[in-house]
Amino acid sequence: MNGDAVFWGSIITVVISVVIIIFLGFKVKNLIKSDAEKHGNQ
């Protein structure tokens, strides 16, 4: 049971990490796009 709990804890941690990385990737992409638009208007 203990090994199973560690296994599922690791899986959940990896899934959460991947979701956060994807979310941050979208945020950075949007920031770069909006920054490029601001510089393009100047």
C-alpha atoms as a PDB file:
ATOM      1  CA  MET A   1       0.000   0.000   0.000  1.00  0.00           C
ATOM      2  CA  ASN A   2       2.794   2.416   0.879  1.00  0.00           C
ATOM      3  CA  GLY A   3       4.575   1.831  -2.437  1.00  0.00           C
ATOM      4  CA  ASP A   4       1.287   2.321  -4.268  1.00  0.00           C
ATOM      5  CA  ALA A   5       0.729   5.657  -2.514  1.00  0.00           C
ATOM      6  CA  VAL A   6       4.245   6.787  -3.436  1.00  0.00           C
ATOM      7  CA  PHE A   7       3.651   5.703  -7.042  1.00  0.00           C
ATOM      8  CA  TRP A   8       0.384   7.655  -7.357  1.00  0.00           C
ATOM      9  CA  GLY A   9       1.918  10.647  -5.579  1.00  0.00           C
ATOM     10  CA  SER A  10       4.729  10.687  -8.123  1.00  0.00           C
ATOM     11  CA  ILE A  11       2.288  10.408 -11.049  1.00  0.00           C
ATOM     12  CA  ILE A  12       0.143  13.262  -9.696  1.00  0.00           C
ATOM     13  CA  THR A  13       3.229  15.423  -9.107  1.00  0.00           C
ATOM     14  CA  VAL A  14       4.438  14.844 -12.675  1.00  0.00           C
ATOM     15  CA  VAL A  15       0.991  15.646 -14.124  1.00  0.00           C
ATOM     16  CA  ILE A  16       0.733  18.865 -12.101  1.00  0.00           C
ATOM     17  CA  SER A  17       4.258  19.865 -13.160  1.00  0.00           C
ATOM     18  CA  VAL A  18       3.439  19.298 -16.849  1.00  0.00           C
ATOM     19  CA  VAL A  19       0.224  21.333 -16.552  1.00  0.00           C
ATOM     20  CA  ILE A  20       2.107  24.214 -14.887  1.00  0.00           C
ATOM     21  CA  ILE A  21       4.845  24.140 -17.560  1.00  0.00           C
ATOM     22  CA  ILE A  22       2.247  24.216 -20.370  1.00  0.00           C
ATOM     23  CA  PHE A  23       0.358  27.050 -18.628  1.00  0.00           C
ATOM     24  CA  LEU A  24       3.547  29.076 -18.189  1.00  0.00           C
ATOM     25  CA  GLY A  25       4.448  28.412 -21.814  1.00  0.00           C
ATOM     26  CA  PHE A  26       1.157  29.908 -22.973  1.00  0.00           C
ATOM     27  CA  LYS A  27       1.611  32.910 -20.671  1.00  0.00           C
ATOM     28  CA  VAL A  28       5.128  33.559 -21.988  1.00  0.00           C
ATOM     29  CA  LYS A  29       3.937  33.160 -25.590  1.00  0.00           C
ATOM     30  CA  ASN A  30       1.164  35.698 -25.020  1.00  0.00           C
ATOM     31  CA  LEU A  31       3.590  38.106 -23.332  1.00  0.00           C
ATOM     32  CA  ILE A  32       6.039  37.840 -26.239  1.00  0.00           C
ATOM     33  CA  LYS A  33       3.219  38.363 -28.741  1.00  0.00           C
ATOM     34  CA  SER A  34       1.824  41.420 -26.950  1.00  0.00           C
ATOM     35  CA  ASP A  35       5.348  42.824 -26.510  1.00  0.00           C
ATOM     36  CA  ALA A  36       6.060  42.370 -30.221  1.00  0.00           C
ATOM     37  CA  GLU A  37       2.791  44.144 -31.082  1.00  0.00           C
ATOM     38  CA  LYS A  38       3.707  47.074 -28.817  1.00  0.00           C
ATOM     39  CA  HIS A  39       7.135  47.381 -30.422  1.00  0.00           C
ATOM     40  CA  GLY A  40       5.583  47.076 -33.874  1.00  0.00           C
ATOM     41  CA  ASN A  41       3.274  50.025 -33.207  1.00  0.00           C
ATOM     42  CA  GLN A  42       6.113  52.317 -32.177  1.00  0.00           C
END
